[in-house]
Amino acid sequence: MAVKATAKVKKAAAPAKKAAAPARKATAAKTNKGDYLVCDVCGFAVVVDEICGCVETHEILCCSEPMKKKAVKAKPKAKVAAKK
């Protein structure tokens, strides 16, 4: 009688579960129409005149850095000269 050698077959290991990607934090505040943005590196300034309407916020980049909101100084109104 011959003894049969049987090879044990190993089951393939289950694929490792991927960890859920952490949610991104919104670093930029929502940009509105009329916002004044300035680049801290070169000084380039932008005024927003149209909003895209997306749910997510978009950073406007200049010199590979996000532009920062600055307060807009109100222009003094021209005085109307009194007619004589």
PDB file of N, CA and C in Angstrom:
ATOM      1  N   MET A   1       0.810  -1.169   0.000  1.00  0.00           N
ATOM      2  CA  MET A   1       0.000   0.000   0.000  1.00  0.00           C
ATOM      3  C   MET A   1       0.856   1.235   0.000  1.00  0.00           C
ATOM      4  N   ALA A   2       0.491   2.099  -0.897  1.00  0.00           N
ATOM      5  CA  ALA A   2       1.229   3.361  -1.019  1.00  0.00           C
ATOM      6  C   ALA A   2       0.498   4.460  -0.262  1.00  0.00           C
ATOM      7  N   VAL A   3       1.250   5.300   0.366  1.00  0.00           N
ATOM      8  CA  VAL A   3       0.657   6.416   1.113  1.00  0.00           C
ATOM      9  C   VAL A   3       0.656   7.630   0.195  1.00  0.00           C
ATOM     10  N   LYS A   4      -0.507   8.230   0.070  1.00  0.00           N
ATOM     11  CA  LYS A   4      -0.616   9.412  -0.788  1.00  0.00           C
ATOM     12  C   LYS A   4      -0.223  10.648   0.000  1.00  0.00           C
ATOM     13  N   ALA A   5       0.573  11.444  -0.627  1.00  0.00           N
ATOM     14  CA  ALA A   5       0.945  12.727  -0.008  1.00  0.00           C
ATOM     15  C   ALA A   5      -0.045  13.765  -0.508  1.00  0.00           C
ATOM     16  N   THR A   6      -0.670  14.413   0.396  1.00  0.00           N
ATOM     17  CA  THR A   6      -1.623  15.458  -0.008  1.00  0.00           C
ATOM     18  C   THR A   6      -1.061  16.810   0.371  1.00  0.00           C
ATOM     19  N   ALA A   7      -1.138  17.718  -0.574  1.00  0.00           N
ATOM     20  CA  ALA A   7      -0.651  19.083  -0.320  1.00  0.00           C
ATOM     21  C   ALA A   7      -1.781  19.893   0.278  1.00  0.00           C
ATOM     22  N   LYS A   8      -1.434  20.597   1.316  1.00  0.00           N
ATOM     23  CA  LYS A   8      -2.441  21.464   1.916  1.00  0.00           C
ATOM     24  C   LYS A   8      -2.457  22.783   1.158  1.00  0.00           C
ATOM     25  N   VAL A   9      -3.635  23.186   0.754  1.00  0.00           N
ATOM     26  CA  VAL A   9      -3.787  24.441   0.031  1.00  0.00           C
ATOM     27  C   VAL A   9      -4.167  25.517   1.032  1.00  0.00           C
ATOM     28  N   LYS A  10      -3.361  26.566   1.057  1.00  0.00           N
ATOM     29  CA  LYS A  10      -3.667  27.674   1.964  1.00  0.00           C
ATOM     30  C   LYS A  10      -4.643  28.608   1.281  1.00  0.00           C
ATOM     31  N   LYS A  11      -5.594  29.055   2.058  1.00  0.00           N
ATOM     32  CA  LYS A  11      -6.546  30.027   1.525  1.00  0.00           C
ATOM     33  C   LYS A  11      -5.866  31.379   1.434  1.00  0.00           C
ATOM     34  N   ALA A  12      -6.224  32.125   0.415  1.00  0.00           N
ATOM     35  CA  ALA A  12      -5.667  33.467   0.252  1.00  0.00           C
ATOM     36  C   ALA A  12      -6.184  34.356   1.379  1.00  0.00           C
ATOM     37  N   ALA A  13      -5.295  35.169   1.891  1.00  0.00           N
ATOM     38  CA  ALA A  13      -5.679  36.076   2.973  1.00  0.00           C
ATOM     39  C   ALA A  13      -6.662  37.108   2.439  1.00  0.00           C
ATOM     40  N   ALA A  14      -7.622  37.452   3.245  1.00  0.00           N
ATOM     41  CA  ALA A  14      -8.601  38.461   2.846  1.00  0.00           C
ATOM     42  C   ALA A  14      -7.890  39.803   2.681  1.00  0.00           C
ATOM     43  N   PRO A  15      -8.267  40.568   1.664  1.00  0.00           N
ATOM     44  CA  PRO A  15      -7.613  41.876   1.467  1.00  0.00           C
ATOM     45  C   PRO A  15      -7.862  42.781   2.674  1.00  0.00           C
ATOM     46  N   ALA A  16      -6.835  43.519   3.013  1.00  0.00           N
ATOM     47  CA  ALA A  16      -6.939  44.419   4.162  1.00  0.00           C
ATOM     48  C   ALA A  16      -7.956  45.510   3.861  1.00  0.00           C
ATOM     49  N   LYS A  17      -8.751  45.840   4.856  1.00  0.00           N
ATOM     50  CA  LYS A  17      -9.739  46.899   4.678  1.00  0.00           C
ATOM     51  C   LYS A  17      -9.036  48.241   4.702  1.00  0.00           C
ATOM     52  N   LYS A  18      -9.424  49.091   3.778  1.00  0.00           N
ATOM     53  CA  LYS A  18      -8.835  50.429   3.728  1.00  0.00           C
ATOM     54  C   LYS A  18      -9.510  51.311   4.761  1.00  0.00           C
ATOM     55  N   ALA A  19      -8.695  52.086   5.430  1.00  0.00           N
ATOM     56  CA  ALA A  19      -9.249  53.023   6.409  1.00  0.00           C
ATOM     57  C   ALA A  19      -9.953  54.144   5.665  1.00  0.00           C
ATOM     58  N   ALA A  20     -11.045  54.601   6.203  1.00  0.00           N
ATOM     59  CA  ALA A  20     -11.793  55.686   5.573  1.00  0.00           C
ATOM     60  C   ALA A  20     -10.941  56.949   5.596  1.00  0.00           C
ATOM     61  N   ALA A  21     -10.933  57.655   4.480  1.00  0.00           N
ATOM     62  CA  ALA A  21     -10.160  58.894   4.386  1.00  0.00           C
ATOM     63  C   ALA A  21     -10.795  59.940   5.292  1.00  0.00           C
ATOM     64  N   PRO A  22      -9.982  60.689   6.033  1.00  0.00           N
ATOM     65  CA  PRO A  22     -10.552  61.720   6.901  1.00  0.00           C
ATOM     66  C   PRO A  22     -11.195  62.823   6.068  1.00  0.00           C
ATOM     67  N   ALA A  23     -12.291  63.334   6.574  1.00  0.00           N
ATOM     68  CA  ALA A  23     -13.000  64.398   5.866  1.00  0.00           C
ATOM     69  C   ALA A  23     -12.136  65.650   5.834  1.00  0.00           C
ATOM     70  N   ARG A  24     -12.158  66.337   4.698  1.00  0.00           N
ATOM     71  CA  ARG A  24     -11.383  67.568   4.562  1.00  0.00           C
ATOM     72  C   ARG A  24     -12.061  68.697   5.310  1.00  0.00           C
ATOM     73  N   LYS A  25     -11.244  69.486   5.966  1.00  0.00           N
ATOM     74  CA  LYS A  25     -11.779  70.667   6.633  1.00  0.00           C
ATOM     75  C   LYS A  25     -11.810  71.812   5.637  1.00  0.00           C
ATOM     76  N   ALA A  26     -12.840  72.595   5.705  1.00  0.00           N
ATOM     77  CA  ALA A  26     -12.912  73.773   4.855  1.00  0.00           C
ATOM     78  C   ALA A  26     -11.986  74.830   5.460  1.00  0.00           C
ATOM     79  N   THR A  27     -10.925  75.157   4.732  1.00  0.00           N
ATOM     80  CA  THR A  27      -9.968  76.116   5.260  1.00  0.00           C
ATOM     81  C   THR A  27     -10.332  77.541   4.865  1.00  0.00           C
ATOM     82  N   ALA A  28     -11.074  77.665   3.815  1.00  0.00           N
ATOM     83  CA  ALA A  28     -11.435  79.001   3.354  1.00  0.00           C
ATOM     84  C   ALA A  28     -12.896  79.277   3.692  1.00  0.00           C
ATOM     85  N   ALA A  29     -13.153  80.492   4.079  1.00  0.00           N
ATOM     86  CA  ALA A  29     -14.534  80.892   4.334  1.00  0.00           C
ATOM     87  C   ALA A  29     -15.242  81.036   2.994  1.00  0.00           C
ATOM     88  N   LYS A  30     -16.543  80.953   3.016  1.00  0.00           N
ATOM     89  CA  LYS A  30     -17.310  81.074   1.783  1.00  0.00           C
ATOM     90  C   LYS A  30     -17.069  82.439   1.156  1.00  0.00           C
ATOM     91  N   THR A  31     -16.776  82.428  -0.116  1.00  0.00           N
ATOM     92  CA  THR A  31     -16.520  83.657  -0.847  1.00  0.00           C
ATOM     93  C   THR A  31     -17.841  84.203  -1.378  1.00  0.00           C
ATOM     94  N   ASN A  32     -18.049  85.479  -1.224  1.00  0.00           N
ATOM     95  CA  ASN A  32     -19.282  86.123  -1.671  1.00  0.00           C
ATOM     96  C   ASN A  32     -18.971  87.149  -2.754  1.00  0.00           C
ATOM     97  N   LYS A  33     -20.011  87.532  -3.472  1.00  0.00           N
ATOM     98  CA  LYS A  33     -19.863  88.537  -4.508  1.00  0.00           C
ATOM     99  C   LYS A  33     -19.427  89.854  -3.855  1.00  0.00           C
ATOM    100  N   GLY A  34     -18.407  90.483  -4.428  1.00  0.00           N
ATOM    101  CA  GLY A  34     -17.919  91.750  -3.910  1.00  0.00           C
ATOM    102  C   GLY A  34     -16.761  91.597  -2.933  1.00  0.00           C
ATOM    103  N   ASP A  35     -16.367  90.361  -2.583  1.00  0.00           N
ATOM    104  CA  ASP A  35     -15.229  90.157  -1.674  1.00  0.00           C
ATOM    105  C   ASP A  35     -13.938  90.637  -2.338  1.00  0.00           C
ATOM    106  N   TYR A  36     -13.046  91.163  -1.524  1.00  0.00           N
ATOM    107  CA  TYR A  36     -11.765  91.711  -1.965  1.00  0.00           C
ATOM    108  C   TYR A  36     -10.685  90.780  -1.431  1.00  0.00           C
ATOM    109  N   LEU A  37      -9.946  90.114  -2.332  1.00  0.00           N
ATOM    110  CA  LEU A  37      -8.915  89.160  -1.949  1.00  0.00           C
ATOM    111  C   LEU A  37      -7.547  89.696  -2.362  1.00  0.00           C
ATOM    112  N   VAL A  38      -6.539  89.488  -1.498  1.00  0.00           N
ATOM    113  CA  VAL A  38      -5.195  89.991  -1.756  1.00  0.00           C
ATOM    114  C   VAL A  38      -4.186  88.869  -1.528  1.00  0.00           C
ATOM    115  N   CYS A  39      -3.163  88.810  -2.383  1.00  0.00           N
ATOM    116  CA  CYS A  39      -2.066  87.855  -2.223  1.00  0.00           C
ATOM    117  C   CYS A  39      -1.039  88.473  -1.286  1.00  0.00           C
ATOM    118  N   ASP A  40      -0.673  87.721  -0.234  1.00  0.00           N
ATOM    119  CA  ASP A  40       0.320  88.220   0.720  1.00  0.00           C
ATOM    120  C   ASP A  40       1.732  88.200   0.153  1.00  0.00           C
ATOM    121  N   VAL A  41       1.974  87.427  -0.909  1.00  0.00           N
ATOM    122  CA  VAL A  41       3.317  87.309  -1.479  1.00  0.00           C
ATOM    123  C   VAL A  41       3.610  88.463  -2.449  1.00  0.00           C
ATOM    124  N   CYS A  42       2.733  88.636  -3.444  1.00  0.00           N
ATOM    125  CA  CYS A  42       3.021  89.636  -4.487  1.00  0.00           C
ATOM    126  C   CYS A  42       2.140  90.880  -4.407  1.00  0.00           C
ATOM    127  N   GLY A  43       1.045  90.825  -3.655  1.00  0.00           N
ATOM    128  CA  GLY A  43       0.177  91.987  -3.516  1.00  0.00           C
ATOM    129  C   GLY A  43      -0.927  92.070  -4.553  1.00  0.00           C
ATOM    130  N   PHE A  44      -1.052  91.082  -5.417  1.00  0.00           N
ATOM    131  CA  PHE A  44      -2.104  91.064  -6.427  1.00  0.00           C
ATOM    132  C   PHE A  44      -3.465  91.062  -5.739  1.00  0.00           C
ATOM    133  N   ALA A  45      -4.406  91.861  -6.228  1.00  0.00           N
ATOM    134  CA  ALA A  45      -5.724  91.972  -5.613  1.00  0.00           C
ATOM    135  C   ALA A  45      -6.807  91.565  -6.611  1.00  0.00           C
ATOM    136  N   VAL A  46      -7.871  90.954  -6.081  1.00  0.00           N
ATOM    137  CA  VAL A  46      -8.982  90.481  -6.898  1.00  0.00           C
ATOM    138  C   VAL A  46     -10.280  90.843  -6.206  1.00  0.00           C
ATOM    139  N   VAL A  47     -11.283  91.262  -6.995  1.00  0.00           N
ATOM    140  CA  VAL A  47     -12.628  91.481  -6.482  1.00  0.00           C
ATOM    141  C   VAL A  47     -13.521  90.437  -7.141  1.00  0.00           C
ATOM    142  N   VAL A  48     -14.269  89.685  -6.334  1.00  0.00           N
ATOM    143  CA  VAL A  48     -15.141  88.624  -6.844  1.00  0.00           C
ATOM    144  C   VAL A  48     -16.385  89.269  -7.443  1.00  0.00           C
ATOM    145  N   ASP A  49     -16.648  88.941  -8.726  1.00  0.00           N
ATOM    146  CA  ASP A  49     -17.830  89.512  -9.367  1.00  0.00           C
ATOM    147  C   ASP A  49     -18.863  88.463  -9.739  1.00  0.00           C
ATOM    148  N   GLU A  50     -18.526  87.165  -9.614  1.00  0.00           N
ATOM    149  CA  GLU A  50     -19.473  86.115  -9.946  1.00  0.00           C
ATOM    150  C   GLU A  50     -19.209  84.912  -9.045  1.00  0.00           C
ATOM    151  N   ILE A  51     -20.270  84.289  -8.560  1.00  0.00           N
ATOM    152  CA  ILE A  51     -20.173  83.125  -7.691  1.00  0.00           C
ATOM    153  C   ILE A  51     -20.567  81.890  -8.491  1.00  0.00           C
ATOM    154  N   CYS A  52     -19.837  80.782  -8.295  1.00  0.00           N
ATOM    155  CA  CYS A  52     -20.081  79.574  -9.082  1.00  0.00           C
ATOM    156  C   CYS A  52     -21.302  78.798  -8.603  1.00  0.00           C
ATOM    157  N   GLY A  53     -21.651  78.881  -7.318  1.00  0.00           N
ATOM    158  CA  GLY A  53     -22.812  78.177  -6.803  1.00  0.00           C
ATOM    159  C   GLY A  53     -22.529  76.765  -6.341  1.00  0.00           C
ATOM    160  N   CYS A  54     -21.268  76.349  -6.291  1.00  0.00           N
ATOM    161  CA  CYS A  54     -20.916  75.005  -5.813  1.00  0.00           C
ATOM    162  C   CYS A  54     -21.149  74.886  -4.316  1.00  0.00           C
ATOM    163  N   VAL A  55     -21.365  73.661  -3.866  1.00  0.00           N
ATOM    164  CA  VAL A  55     -21.556  73.406  -2.446  1.00  0.00           C
ATOM    165  C   VAL A  55     -20.227  73.516  -1.716  1.00  0.00           C
ATOM    166  N   GLU A  56     -19.164  72.996  -2.332  1.00  0.00           N
ATOM    167  CA  GLU A  56     -17.847  73.043  -1.702  1.00  0.00           C
ATOM    168  C   GLU A  56     -17.202  74.418  -1.898  1.00  0.00           C
ATOM    169  N   THR A  57     -16.322  74.776  -0.978  1.00  0.00           N
ATOM    170  CA  THR A  57     -15.647  76.060  -1.085  1.00  0.00           C
ATOM    171  C   THR A  57     -14.393  75.910  -1.935  1.00  0.00           C
ATOM    172  N   HIS A  58     -14.065  76.931  -2.690  1.00  0.00           N
ATOM    173  CA  HIS A  58     -12.880  76.936  -3.542  1.00  0.00           C
ATOM    174  C   HIS A  58     -11.935  78.020  -3.044  1.00  0.00           C
ATOM    175  N   GLU A  59     -10.665  77.677  -2.951  1.00  0.00           N
ATOM    176  CA  GLU A  59      -9.666  78.673  -2.588  1.00  0.00           C
ATOM    177  C   GLU A  59      -9.114  79.286  -3.863  1.00  0.00           C
ATOM    178  N   ILE A  60      -8.950  80.578  -3.866  1.00  0.00           N
ATOM    179  CA  ILE A  60      -8.339  81.256  -5.000  1.00  0.00           C
ATOM    180  C   ILE A  60      -6.857  81.370  -4.682  1.00  0.00           C
ATOM    181  N   LEU A  61      -6.018  80.794  -5.560  1.00  0.00           N
ATOM    182  CA  LEU A  61      -4.588  80.742  -5.317  1.00  0.00           C
ATOM    183  C   LEU A  61      -3.834  81.758  -6.161  1.00  0.00           C
ATOM    184  N   CYS A  62      -2.774  82.302  -5.585  1.00  0.00           N
ATOM    185  CA  CYS A  62      -1.843  83.180  -6.284  1.00  0.00           C
ATOM    186  C   CYS A  62      -0.479  82.894  -5.660  1.00  0.00           C
ATOM    187  N   CYS A  63       0.549  82.757  -6.455  1.00  0.00           N
ATOM    188  CA  CYS A  63       1.899  82.438  -5.959  1.00  0.00           C
ATOM    189  C   CYS A  63       1.873  81.157  -5.125  1.00  0.00           C
ATOM    190  N   SER A  64       1.025  80.202  -5.501  1.00  0.00           N
ATOM    191  CA  SER A  64       0.862  78.904  -4.828  1.00  0.00           C
ATOM    192  C   SER A  64       0.393  79.027  -3.382  1.00  0.00           C
ATOM    193  N   GLU A  65      -0.178  80.139  -2.999  1.00  0.00           N
ATOM    194  CA  GLU A  65      -0.716  80.371  -1.657  1.00  0.00           C
ATOM    195  C   GLU A  65      -2.164  80.836  -1.781  1.00  0.00           C
ATOM    196  N   PRO A  66      -3.039  80.457  -0.835  1.00  0.00           N
ATOM    197  CA  PRO A  66      -4.418  80.959  -0.882  1.00  0.00           C
ATOM    198  C   PRO A  66      -4.466  82.464  -0.614  1.00  0.00           C
ATOM    199  N   MET A  67      -5.310  83.142  -1.363  1.00  0.00           N
ATOM    200  CA  MET A  67      -5.453  84.587  -1.176  1.00  0.00           C
ATOM    201  C   MET A  67      -6.294  84.850   0.069  1.00  0.00           C
ATOM    202  N   LYS A  68      -6.054  85.976   0.728  1.00  0.00           N
ATOM    203  CA  LYS A  68      -6.740  86.320   1.975  1.00  0.00           C
ATOM    204  C   LYS A  68      -7.743  87.443   1.731  1.00  0.00           C
ATOM    205  N   LYS A  69      -8.860  87.363   2.473  1.00  0.00           N
ATOM    206  CA  LYS A  69      -9.868  88.423   2.382  1.00  0.00           C
ATOM    207  C   LYS A  69      -9.364  89.661   3.102  1.00  0.00           C
ATOM    208  N   LYS A  70      -9.618  90.797   2.517  1.00  0.00           N
ATOM    209  CA  LYS A  70      -9.286  92.079   3.134  1.00  0.00           C
ATOM    210  C   LYS A  70     -10.549  92.928   3.165  1.00  0.00           C
ATOM    211  N   ALA A  71     -10.622  93.814   4.142  1.00  0.00           N
ATOM    212  CA  ALA A  71     -11.772  94.711   4.235  1.00  0.00           C
ATOM    213  C   ALA A  71     -11.663  95.743   3.119  1.00  0.00           C
ATOM    214  N   VAL A  72     -12.774  96.012   2.498  1.00  0.00           N
ATOM    215  CA  VAL A  72     -12.809  96.995   1.420  1.00  0.00           C
ATOM    216  C   VAL A  72     -13.073  98.355   2.027  1.00  0.00           C
ATOM    217  N   LYS A  73     -12.232  99.304   1.691  1.00  0.00           N
ATOM    218  CA  LYS A  73     -12.444 100.668   2.166  1.00  0.00           C
ATOM    219  C   LYS A  73     -13.458 101.340   1.252  1.00  0.00           C
ATOM    220  N   ALA A  74     -14.467 101.909   1.866  1.00  0.00           N
ATOM    221  CA  ALA A  74     -15.507 102.576   1.086  1.00  0.00           C
ATOM    222  C   ALA A  74     -14.948 103.854   0.483  1.00  0.00           C
ATOM    223  N   LYS A  75     -15.261 104.060  -0.797  1.00  0.00           N
ATOM    224  CA  LYS A  75     -14.808 105.281  -1.462  1.00  0.00           C
ATOM    225  C   LYS A  75     -15.708 106.429  -1.014  1.00  0.00           C
ATOM    226  N   PRO A  76     -15.130 107.584  -0.720  1.00  0.00           N
ATOM    227  CA  PRO A  76     -15.979 108.714  -0.344  1.00  0.00           C
ATOM    228  C   PRO A  76     -16.814 109.159  -1.541  1.00  0.00           C
ATOM    229  N   LYS A  77     -18.070 109.471  -1.257  1.00  0.00           N
ATOM    230  CA  LYS A  77     -18.966 109.891  -2.330  1.00  0.00           C
ATOM    231  C   LYS A  77     -18.605 111.323  -2.746  1.00  0.00           C
ATOM    232  N   ALA A  78     -18.702 111.568  -4.028  1.00  0.00           N
ATOM    233  CA  ALA A  78     -18.404 112.900  -4.553  1.00  0.00           C
ATOM    234  C   ALA A  78     -19.490 113.865  -4.081  1.00  0.00           C
ATOM    235  N   LYS A  79     -19.065 115.016  -3.624  1.00  0.00           N
ATOM    236  CA  LYS A  79     -20.042 116.007  -3.177  1.00  0.00           C
ATOM    237  C   LYS A  79     -20.607 116.736  -4.378  1.00  0.00           C
ATOM    238  N   VAL A  80     -21.895 116.924  -4.333  1.00  0.00           N
ATOM    239  CA  VAL A  80     -22.568 117.635  -5.425  1.00  0.00           C
ATOM    240  C   VAL A  80     -22.459 119.128  -5.140  1.00  0.00           C
ATOM    241  N   ALA A  81     -21.938 119.858  -6.107  1.00  0.00           N
ATOM    242  CA  ALA A  81     -21.776 121.300  -5.930  1.00  0.00           C
ATOM    243  C   ALA A  81     -23.146 121.968  -5.998  1.00  0.00           C
ATOM    244  N   ALA A  82     -23.379 122.878  -5.061  1.00  0.00           N
ATOM    245  CA  ALA A  82     -24.656 123.605  -5.041  1.00  0.00           C
ATOM    246  C   ALA A  82     -24.693 124.583  -6.211  1.00  0.00           C
ATOM    247  N   LYS A  83     -25.834 124.593  -6.894  1.00  0.00           N
ATOM    248  CA  LYS A  83     -25.981 125.518  -8.040  1.00  0.00           C
ATOM    249  C   LYS A  83     -26.333 126.903  -7.529  1.00  0.00           C
ATOM    250  N   LYS A  84     -25.768 127.918  -8.156  1.00  0.00           N
ATOM    251  CA  LYS A  84     -26.043 129.309  -7.770  1.00  0.00           C
ATOM    252  C   LYS A  84     -26.932 129.984  -8.754  1.00  0.00           C
TER     253      LYS A  84
END
